[in-house]
Amino acid sequence: MSFTDFVYTGNFDYPNPGDDANEQTELLFELLDLLPRADEWDMPSLRSRIETSVIDEHKFVQRLPLQHANSKCLLSGLQCLPLSPSSLVRHYAELYKATRLADALDEWANQNPHLLKKFSEIQASRINQGVMKSE
């Protein structure tokens, strides 16, 4: 399930990660890693398919702030950055012109400022406690 699948079939399917935060994170970043190819190969249909998968099928925009509040690190093997998951996704969205994804992030943030504040407080607390360092 990859860029090649999309080139040959015009689609890709990823299995539903269920409620496992690690599997959700892995799938989210697999999808986001396709955005540079969509940009490089000027494939708006691939970009659109990625956005549909992230926003509509897997509902990652709604899951981002809270799904990671209990995880030790957003990116395994790396020192965690004091950024929210939505900030990392926003970076990809802006860098690779995924405007629908950026708009969905904005819409969710505008509708849920109390949840974003809570997430920021949790992350700040964990950073202060030294929990956010990779193992």
Foldseek 3Di string as FASTA:
>chain_A
DAPVCCVVPVADDDDQPPLDLVSVLVVLVRLLVCLVVCQVVVPVSSLVRSLCCCCPVRNVLVVQLPSCLPPQASDAPAQHDLDGSLVVVCVSCVVRVSVVNNVSNVVVCVVCVVSVVVSNVSSVVCVVVVSRGHD
